[in-house]
Amino acid sequence: MGRYEKQMSKINIKDVLFSQVADKRIIGFMVLKGFATFFMVTGLIGLSFILGPLNLIIKFDFTTLFGNKALDAIVCLLFCVVGGAIEFLADSFIKYLSSGKNQ
């Protein structure tokens, strides 16, 4: 058995998944970044329903959540801002932890 076959027999799934990540905390920040992206996209889709373009494309009867389009737009903008801020912070921590300067 050659050298390559010996190396391949020692590799397992955990080694493959975590080989690119030096610090395991990065995975948690990636999950946080995913949730932030979800909030941001939810806010953008809500805005497109409130302001009308998506309403006209899908032909969906949209009812406002709070009974006021302005208040609904503010809530969706808040989702976008909070999601963007969390995504920025998570991305900053990911870059910091992966740079190796913290060691």
N, C-alpha and C. Protein backbone atom coordinates (compact mmCIF):
# COMPACT_ATOMS: atom_id res chain seq x y z
N MET A 1 0.85 -1.16 0.00
CA MET A 1 0.00 0.00 0.00
C MET A 1 0.90 1.23 0.00
N GLY A 2 0.61 2.18 -0.90
CA GLY A 2 1.44 3.36 -1.04
C GLY A 2 1.14 4.42 0.01
N ARG A 3 1.92 5.46 -0.05
CA ARG A 3 1.78 6.55 0.92
C ARG A 3 0.42 7.23 0.81
N TYR A 4 -0.07 7.42 -0.40
CA TYR A 4 -1.36 8.08 -0.62
C TYR A 4 -2.50 7.27 -0.02
N GLU A 5 -2.48 5.96 -0.19
CA GLU A 5 -3.54 5.12 0.36
C GLU A 5 -3.54 5.14 1.88
N LYS A 6 -2.36 5.21 2.51
CA LYS A 6 -2.29 5.29 3.97
C LYS A 6 -2.90 6.60 4.46
N GLN A 7 -2.63 7.69 3.75
CA GLN A 7 -3.19 8.98 4.14
C GLN A 7 -4.70 8.99 3.98
N MET A 8 -5.21 8.40 2.93
CA MET A 8 -6.65 8.38 2.68
C MET A 8 -7.38 7.53 3.70
N SER A 9 -6.75 6.49 4.22
CA SER A 9 -7.42 5.63 5.17
C SER A 9 -7.56 6.29 6.54
N LYS A 10 -6.73 7.31 6.84
CA LYS A 10 -6.78 7.98 8.13
C LYS A 10 -7.76 9.14 8.17
N ILE A 11 -8.25 9.59 7.02
CA ILE A 11 -9.13 10.75 6.96
C ILE A 11 -10.55 10.33 7.33
N ASN A 12 -11.16 11.09 8.23
CA ASN A 12 -12.57 10.88 8.53
C ASN A 12 -13.33 12.17 8.28
N ILE A 13 -14.64 12.12 8.41
CA ILE A 13 -15.49 13.26 8.09
C ILE A 13 -15.18 14.47 8.97
N LYS A 14 -14.97 14.27 10.24
CA LYS A 14 -14.69 15.38 11.15
C LYS A 14 -13.42 16.12 10.75
N ASP A 15 -12.39 15.39 10.36
CA ASP A 15 -11.15 16.03 9.93
C ASP A 15 -11.36 16.86 8.67
N VAL A 16 -12.18 16.36 7.77
CA VAL A 16 -12.43 17.08 6.52
C VAL A 16 -13.21 18.36 6.79
N LEU A 17 -14.25 18.28 7.64
CA LEU A 17 -15.08 19.45 7.91
C LEU A 17 -14.35 20.54 8.67
N PHE A 18 -13.50 20.17 9.61
CA PHE A 18 -12.83 21.15 10.45
C PHE A 18 -11.42 21.47 10.00
N SER A 19 -10.97 20.93 8.87
CA SER A 19 -9.60 21.19 8.45
C SER A 19 -9.39 22.63 8.00
N GLN A 20 -10.41 23.27 7.46
CA GLN A 20 -10.29 24.65 6.99
C GLN A 20 -10.43 25.66 8.11
N VAL A 21 -10.92 25.23 9.26
CA VAL A 21 -11.21 26.15 10.36
C VAL A 21 -10.20 25.94 11.47
N ALA A 22 -9.36 26.95 11.68
CA ALA A 22 -8.35 26.83 12.72
C ALA A 22 -8.97 26.99 14.11
N ASP A 23 -9.89 27.91 14.25
CA ASP A 23 -10.55 28.17 15.52
C ASP A 23 -12.01 27.76 15.40
N LYS A 24 -12.46 26.91 16.29
CA LYS A 24 -13.82 26.36 16.20
C LYS A 24 -14.90 27.40 16.47
N ARG A 25 -14.56 28.54 17.07
CA ARG A 25 -15.54 29.60 17.30
C ARG A 25 -16.01 30.22 15.99
N ILE A 26 -15.24 30.06 14.94
CA ILE A 26 -15.61 30.61 13.64
C ILE A 26 -16.93 30.00 13.16
N ILE A 27 -17.14 28.73 13.44
CA ILE A 27 -18.37 28.06 13.00
C ILE A 27 -19.59 28.71 13.65
N GLY A 28 -19.50 29.05 14.93
CA GLY A 28 -20.60 29.73 15.61
C GLY A 28 -20.90 31.09 15.00
N PHE A 29 -19.85 31.83 14.64
CA PHE A 29 -20.06 33.13 14.01
C PHE A 29 -20.62 32.98 12.60
N MET A 30 -20.29 31.89 11.91
CA MET A 30 -20.89 31.63 10.60
C MET A 30 -22.38 31.37 10.72
N VAL A 31 -22.77 30.65 11.77
CA VAL A 31 -24.20 30.41 12.01
C VAL A 31 -24.90 31.72 12.34
N LEU A 32 -24.27 32.57 13.16
CA LEU A 32 -24.83 33.88 13.49
C LEU A 32 -24.97 34.73 12.24
N LYS A 33 -24.00 34.66 11.35
CA LYS A 33 -24.06 35.41 10.10
C LYS A 33 -25.22 34.90 9.22
N GLY A 34 -25.47 33.61 9.25
CA GLY A 34 -26.60 33.06 8.51
C GLY A 34 -27.94 33.57 9.02
N PHE A 35 -28.09 33.63 10.36
CA PHE A 35 -29.32 34.18 10.93
C PHE A 35 -29.47 35.66 10.58
N ALA A 36 -28.37 36.40 10.59
CA ALA A 36 -28.42 37.81 10.23
C ALA A 36 -28.84 38.00 8.78
N THR A 37 -28.33 37.16 7.91
CA THR A 37 -28.73 37.22 6.51
C THR A 37 -30.22 36.91 6.36
N PHE A 38 -30.71 35.96 7.15
CA PHE A 38 -32.14 35.64 7.14
C PHE A 38 -32.97 36.86 7.54
N PHE A 39 -32.55 37.57 8.61
CA PHE A 39 -33.28 38.76 9.04
C PHE A 39 -33.26 39.84 7.96
N MET A 40 -32.12 40.02 7.33
CA MET A 40 -31.99 41.05 6.31
C MET A 40 -32.87 40.73 5.10
N VAL A 41 -32.85 39.50 4.66
CA VAL A 41 -33.66 39.10 3.51
C VAL A 41 -35.15 39.17 3.85
N THR A 42 -35.51 38.79 5.07
CA THR A 42 -36.91 38.89 5.49
C THR A 42 -37.38 40.33 5.45
N GLY A 43 -36.55 41.25 5.93
CA GLY A 43 -36.90 42.66 5.89
C GLY A 43 -37.04 43.17 4.47
N LEU A 44 -36.14 42.76 3.59
CA LEU A 44 -36.21 43.21 2.20
C LEU A 44 -37.45 42.67 1.48
N ILE A 45 -37.78 41.42 1.74
CA ILE A 45 -38.99 40.86 1.13
C ILE A 45 -40.23 41.55 1.68
N GLY A 46 -40.23 41.83 2.99
CA GLY A 46 -41.35 42.57 3.57
C GLY A 46 -41.50 43.94 2.97
N LEU A 47 -40.39 44.63 2.77
CA LEU A 47 -40.45 45.95 2.14
C LEU A 47 -40.98 45.87 0.72
N SER A 48 -40.57 44.85 -0.01
CA SER A 48 -41.05 44.73 -1.39
C SER A 48 -42.54 44.41 -1.43
N PHE A 49 -43.07 43.72 -0.42
CA PHE A 49 -44.52 43.50 -0.35
C PHE A 49 -45.23 44.80 0.03
N ILE A 50 -44.67 45.53 0.99
CA ILE A 50 -45.33 46.75 1.47
C ILE A 50 -45.34 47.83 0.40
N LEU A 51 -44.20 48.01 -0.27
CA LEU A 51 -44.10 49.08 -1.25
C LEU A 51 -44.74 48.72 -2.58
N GLY A 52 -45.00 47.45 -2.84
CA GLY A 52 -45.80 47.09 -3.98
C GLY A 52 -45.21 46.29 -5.10
N PRO A 53 -43.91 46.33 -5.40
CA PRO A 53 -43.44 45.61 -6.58
C PRO A 53 -43.67 44.10 -6.52
N LEU A 54 -43.41 43.50 -5.38
CA LEU A 54 -43.61 42.05 -5.28
C LEU A 54 -45.09 41.71 -5.27
N ASN A 55 -45.89 42.61 -4.73
CA ASN A 55 -47.34 42.44 -4.73
C ASN A 55 -47.88 42.33 -6.15
N LEU A 56 -47.36 43.16 -7.05
CA LEU A 56 -47.85 43.18 -8.42
C LEU A 56 -47.36 41.97 -9.21
N ILE A 57 -46.19 41.47 -8.88
CA ILE A 57 -45.64 40.32 -9.61
C ILE A 57 -46.35 39.03 -9.21
N ILE A 58 -46.52 38.82 -7.91
CA ILE A 58 -47.07 37.55 -7.41
C ILE A 58 -48.59 37.54 -7.41
N LYS A 59 -49.22 38.71 -7.45
CA LYS A 59 -50.69 38.84 -7.37
C LYS A 59 -51.20 38.26 -6.06
N PHE A 60 -50.55 38.70 -4.99
CA PHE A 60 -50.84 38.21 -3.66
C PHE A 60 -51.53 39.32 -2.88
N ASP A 61 -52.62 39.01 -2.21
CA ASP A 61 -53.31 40.00 -1.39
C ASP A 61 -52.54 40.20 -0.10
N PHE A 62 -51.94 41.36 0.05
CA PHE A 62 -51.12 41.65 1.21
C PHE A 62 -51.92 42.45 2.22
N THR A 63 -51.97 41.97 3.45
CA THR A 63 -52.59 42.73 4.53
C THR A 63 -51.49 43.18 5.48
N THR A 64 -51.59 44.39 5.92
CA THR A 64 -50.54 44.93 6.78
C THR A 64 -50.60 44.27 8.15
N LEU A 65 -49.44 44.14 8.75
CA LEU A 65 -49.33 43.48 10.05
C LEU A 65 -49.87 44.37 11.17
N PHE A 66 -49.55 45.65 11.13
CA PHE A 66 -49.97 46.57 12.17
C PHE A 66 -51.12 47.47 11.73
N GLY A 67 -51.64 47.26 10.54
CA GLY A 67 -52.74 48.08 10.03
C GLY A 67 -52.28 49.39 9.42
N ASN A 68 -51.00 49.60 9.33
CA ASN A 68 -50.45 50.83 8.81
C ASN A 68 -49.21 50.50 7.99
N LYS A 69 -49.20 50.93 6.73
CA LYS A 69 -48.06 50.60 5.86
C LYS A 69 -46.78 51.26 6.33
N ALA A 70 -46.89 52.46 6.88
CA ALA A 70 -45.68 53.16 7.34
C ALA A 70 -45.03 52.41 8.51
N LEU A 71 -45.83 51.96 9.45
CA LEU A 71 -45.29 51.22 10.60
C LEU A 71 -44.70 49.88 10.16
N ASP A 72 -45.37 49.23 9.22
CA ASP A 72 -44.83 47.97 8.68
C ASP A 72 -43.50 48.20 7.97
N ALA A 73 -43.40 49.30 7.23
CA ALA A 73 -42.15 49.60 6.53
C ALA A 73 -41.03 49.88 7.53
N ILE A 74 -41.34 50.57 8.62
CA ILE A 74 -40.33 50.85 9.64
C ILE A 74 -39.84 49.55 10.29
N VAL A 75 -40.77 48.62 10.56
CA VAL A 75 -40.37 47.34 11.16
C VAL A 75 -39.49 46.54 10.19
N CYS A 76 -39.83 46.54 8.91
CA CYS A 76 -39.01 45.82 7.93
C CYS A 76 -37.64 46.48 7.77
N LEU A 77 -37.60 47.82 7.80
CA LEU A 77 -36.31 48.50 7.76
C LEU A 77 -35.48 48.17 8.99
N LEU A 78 -36.13 48.07 10.13
CA LEU A 78 -35.43 47.69 11.35
C LEU A 78 -34.84 46.28 11.23
N PHE A 79 -35.61 45.35 10.63
CA PHE A 79 -35.08 44.01 10.37
C PHE A 79 -33.83 44.08 9.50
N CYS A 80 -33.88 44.90 8.45
CA CYS A 80 -32.73 45.02 7.54
C CYS A 80 -31.52 45.59 8.26
N VAL A 81 -31.72 46.63 9.06
CA VAL A 81 -30.61 47.28 9.75
C VAL A 81 -30.00 46.36 10.80
N VAL A 82 -30.85 45.72 11.60
CA VAL A 82 -30.35 44.81 12.64
C VAL A 82 -29.64 43.62 12.00
N GLY A 83 -30.22 43.06 10.95
CA GLY A 83 -29.59 41.94 10.25
C GLY A 83 -28.25 42.33 9.65
N GLY A 84 -28.18 43.52 9.05
CA GLY A 84 -26.92 43.99 8.48
C GLY A 84 -25.86 44.23 9.55
N ALA A 85 -26.27 44.78 10.69
CA ALA A 85 -25.32 45.03 11.77
C ALA A 85 -24.78 43.73 12.35
N ILE A 86 -25.65 42.77 12.56
CA ILE A 86 -25.21 41.47 13.10
C ILE A 86 -24.30 40.77 12.10
N GLU A 87 -24.66 40.85 10.82
CA GLU A 87 -23.82 40.22 9.80
C GLU A 87 -22.44 40.88 9.74
N PHE A 88 -22.38 42.21 9.87
CA PHE A 88 -21.11 42.91 9.87
C PHE A 88 -20.25 42.49 11.06
N LEU A 89 -20.85 42.43 12.24
CA LEU A 89 -20.10 42.02 13.43
C LEU A 89 -19.61 40.59 13.33
N ALA A 90 -20.49 39.70 12.87
CA ALA A 90 -20.10 38.30 12.73
C ALA A 90 -18.98 38.15 11.71
N ASP A 91 -19.07 38.89 10.60
CA ASP A 91 -18.03 38.82 9.58
C ASP A 91 -16.71 39.36 10.11
N SER A 92 -16.78 40.42 10.92
CA SER A 92 -15.56 40.98 11.52
C SER A 92 -14.89 39.97 12.45
N PHE A 93 -15.70 39.29 13.28
CA PHE A 93 -15.13 38.28 14.17
C PHE A 93 -14.56 37.10 13.39
N ILE A 94 -15.23 36.71 12.32
CA ILE A 94 -14.72 35.61 11.49
C ILE A 94 -13.37 35.98 10.90
N LYS A 95 -13.26 37.19 10.37
CA LYS A 95 -11.99 37.63 9.78
C LYS A 95 -10.89 37.73 10.85
N TYR A 96 -11.26 38.22 12.02
CA TYR A 96 -10.27 38.35 13.10
C TYR A 96 -9.77 37.00 13.56
N LEU A 97 -10.70 36.06 13.76
CA LEU A 97 -10.30 34.73 14.25
C LEU A 97 -9.53 33.94 13.20
N SER A 98 -9.85 34.16 11.93
CA SER A 98 -9.15 33.39 10.89
C SER A 98 -7.82 34.02 10.49
N SER A 99 -7.59 35.27 10.90
CA SER A 99 -6.34 35.90 10.52
C SER A 99 -5.14 35.40 11.32
N GLY A 100 -5.38 34.90 12.52
CA GLY A 100 -4.30 34.38 13.33
C GLY A 100 -3.64 35.43 14.21
N LYS A 101 -4.12 36.67 14.18
CA LYS A 101 -3.55 37.73 15.00
C LYS A 101 -3.92 37.59 16.46
N ASN A 102 -4.95 36.80 16.74
CA ASN A 102 -5.43 36.66 18.12
C ASN A 102 -4.61 35.66 18.92
N GLN A 103 -3.60 35.06 18.33
CA GLN A 103 -2.85 34.03 19.04
C GLN A 103 -1.57 34.52 19.63
